[in-house]
């Protein structure tokens, strides 16, 4: 019989690692953006759907 407990823990730990990696790279990219010397901030209008 498969050891589901071990499989679950391995999967859970790997998913947790991947989420942490994604958060770290997002923070790094955000920091690089903030530190960039270009003034490239843009304003976007939020369009509301009139069908609601």
N, C-alpha and C. Protein backbone atom coordinates (compact mmCIF):
# COMPACT_ATOMS: atom_id res chain seq x y z
N UNK A 1 0.84 -1.18 0.00
CA UNK A 1 0.00 0.00 0.00
C UNK A 1 0.89 1.25 0.00
N UNK A 2 0.47 2.26 -0.72
CA UNK A 2 1.23 3.50 -0.82
C UNK A 2 1.25 4.21 0.53
N UNK A 3 2.37 4.84 0.81
CA UNK A 3 2.52 5.61 2.05
C UNK A 3 2.04 7.04 1.80
N UNK A 4 0.73 7.23 1.93
CA UNK A 4 0.12 8.52 1.60
C UNK A 4 0.59 9.65 2.50
N UNK A 5 0.88 9.33 3.76
CA UNK A 5 1.35 10.36 4.68
C UNK A 5 2.68 10.92 4.20
N UNK A 6 3.61 10.07 3.82
CA UNK A 6 4.91 10.51 3.31
C UNK A 6 4.74 11.29 2.02
N UNK A 7 3.87 10.78 1.14
CA UNK A 7 3.63 11.48 -0.13
C UNK A 7 3.04 12.88 0.12
N UNK A 8 2.10 12.98 1.05
CA UNK A 8 1.48 14.26 1.37
C UNK A 8 2.51 15.23 1.90
N UNK A 9 3.34 14.80 2.84
CA UNK A 9 4.34 15.69 3.42
C UNK A 9 5.36 16.15 2.39
N UNK A 10 5.78 15.26 1.51
CA UNK A 10 6.72 15.64 0.46
C UNK A 10 6.10 16.70 -0.46
N UNK A 11 4.85 16.47 -0.86
CA UNK A 11 4.15 17.41 -1.73
C UNK A 11 3.94 18.74 -1.03
N UNK A 12 3.48 18.70 0.21
CA UNK A 12 3.24 19.93 0.96
C UNK A 12 4.52 20.74 1.12
N UNK A 13 5.61 20.08 1.47
CA UNK A 13 6.89 20.78 1.66
C UNK A 13 7.39 21.40 0.36
N UNK A 14 7.24 20.68 -0.74
CA UNK A 14 7.71 21.21 -2.02
C UNK A 14 6.87 22.40 -2.45
N UNK A 15 5.56 22.31 -2.29
CA UNK A 15 4.68 23.43 -2.64
C UNK A 15 5.02 24.64 -1.79
N UNK A 16 5.27 24.44 -0.52
CA UNK A 16 5.66 25.53 0.37
C UNK A 16 6.97 26.17 -0.10
N UNK A 17 7.93 25.35 -0.49
CA UNK A 17 9.21 25.88 -1.00
C UNK A 17 9.00 26.71 -2.26
N UNK A 18 8.16 26.24 -3.15
CA UNK A 18 7.91 26.95 -4.41
C UNK A 18 7.22 28.28 -4.14
N UNK A 19 6.26 28.30 -3.24
CA UNK A 19 5.58 29.55 -2.89
C UNK A 19 6.58 30.54 -2.31
N UNK A 20 7.45 30.07 -1.43
CA UNK A 20 8.47 30.95 -0.85
C UNK A 20 9.41 31.49 -1.93
N UNK A 21 9.80 30.64 -2.87
CA UNK A 21 10.66 31.09 -3.97
C UNK A 21 9.97 32.16 -4.81
N UNK A 22 8.70 31.95 -5.10
CA UNK A 22 7.95 32.94 -5.89
C UNK A 22 7.83 34.27 -5.15
N UNK A 23 7.59 34.21 -3.85
CA UNK A 23 7.49 35.44 -3.07
C UNK A 23 8.83 36.18 -3.04
N UNK A 24 9.91 35.45 -2.91
CA UNK A 24 11.24 36.08 -2.89
C UNK A 24 11.56 36.76 -4.21
N UNK A 25 11.28 36.09 -5.33
CA UNK A 25 11.59 36.69 -6.62
C UNK A 25 10.66 37.86 -6.90
N UNK A 26 9.43 37.80 -6.44
CA UNK A 26 8.52 38.93 -6.60
C UNK A 26 9.05 40.13 -5.83
N UNK A 27 9.49 39.93 -4.60
CA UNK A 27 10.03 41.02 -3.80
C UNK A 27 11.29 41.60 -4.43
N UNK A 28 12.14 40.73 -4.97
CA UNK A 28 13.35 41.19 -5.64
C UNK A 28 13.00 42.06 -6.85
N UNK A 29 12.07 41.60 -7.66
CA UNK A 29 11.66 42.37 -8.83
C UNK A 29 11.01 43.69 -8.45
N UNK A 30 10.20 43.68 -7.40
CA UNK A 30 9.59 44.92 -6.93
C UNK A 30 10.67 45.90 -6.47
N UNK A 31 11.66 45.41 -5.76
CA UNK A 31 12.74 46.26 -5.29
C UNK A 31 13.53 46.83 -6.47
N UNK A 32 13.81 46.01 -7.46
CA UNK A 32 14.51 46.49 -8.65
C UNK A 32 13.71 47.57 -9.36
N UNK A 33 12.41 47.38 -9.42
CA UNK A 33 11.55 48.37 -10.06
C UNK A 33 11.57 49.69 -9.29
N UNK A 34 11.45 49.62 -7.98
CA UNK A 34 11.43 50.82 -7.15
C UNK A 34 12.76 51.57 -7.25
N UNK A 35 13.85 50.82 -7.33
CA UNK A 35 15.17 51.43 -7.38
C UNK A 35 15.56 51.91 -8.78
N UNK A 36 14.79 51.56 -9.79
CA UNK A 36 15.15 51.99 -11.14
C UNK A 36 15.05 53.50 -11.24
N UNK A 37 15.90 54.06 -12.06
CA UNK A 37 15.95 55.52 -12.19
C UNK A 37 14.92 56.05 -13.19
N UNK A 38 14.35 55.20 -13.96
CA UNK A 38 13.36 55.63 -14.93
C UNK A 38 12.06 56.00 -14.23
N UNK A 39 11.43 57.00 -14.77
CA UNK A 39 10.11 57.37 -14.26
C UNK A 39 9.08 56.69 -15.16
N UNK A 40 8.82 55.45 -14.88
CA UNK A 40 7.97 54.67 -15.75
C UNK A 40 6.67 54.24 -15.09
N UNK A 41 6.24 54.97 -14.09
CA UNK A 41 4.97 54.67 -13.46
C UNK A 41 3.85 55.17 -14.37
N UNK A 42 2.83 54.37 -14.52
CA UNK A 42 1.72 54.74 -15.38
C UNK A 42 0.43 54.63 -14.60
N UNK A 43 -0.49 55.52 -14.91
CA UNK A 43 -1.81 55.46 -14.32
C UNK A 43 -2.75 54.78 -15.31
N UNK A 44 -3.56 53.91 -14.81
CA UNK A 44 -4.52 53.22 -15.66
C UNK A 44 -5.91 53.47 -15.10
N UNK A 45 -6.83 53.75 -15.99
CA UNK A 45 -8.20 53.92 -15.56
C UNK A 45 -8.84 52.55 -15.36
N UNK A 46 -9.64 52.45 -14.35
CA UNK A 46 -10.39 51.23 -14.12
C UNK A 46 -11.72 51.38 -14.84
N UNK A 47 -11.96 50.50 -15.77
CA UNK A 47 -13.21 50.56 -16.53
C UNK A 47 -14.23 49.67 -15.84
N UNK A 48 -15.39 50.23 -15.60
CA UNK A 48 -16.47 49.47 -14.98
C UNK A 48 -17.40 48.93 -16.06
N UNK A 49 -17.78 47.70 -15.88
CA UNK A 49 -18.70 47.07 -16.84
C UNK A 49 -20.09 47.62 -16.60
N UNK A 50 -20.68 48.23 -17.61
CA UNK A 50 -22.00 48.86 -17.45
C UNK A 50 -23.13 47.84 -17.47
N UNK A 51 -22.81 46.58 -17.74
CA UNK A 51 -23.84 45.55 -17.80
C UNK A 51 -24.19 45.00 -16.42
N UNK A 52 -23.44 45.35 -15.39
CA UNK A 52 -23.70 44.82 -14.04
C UNK A 52 -24.91 45.40 -13.44
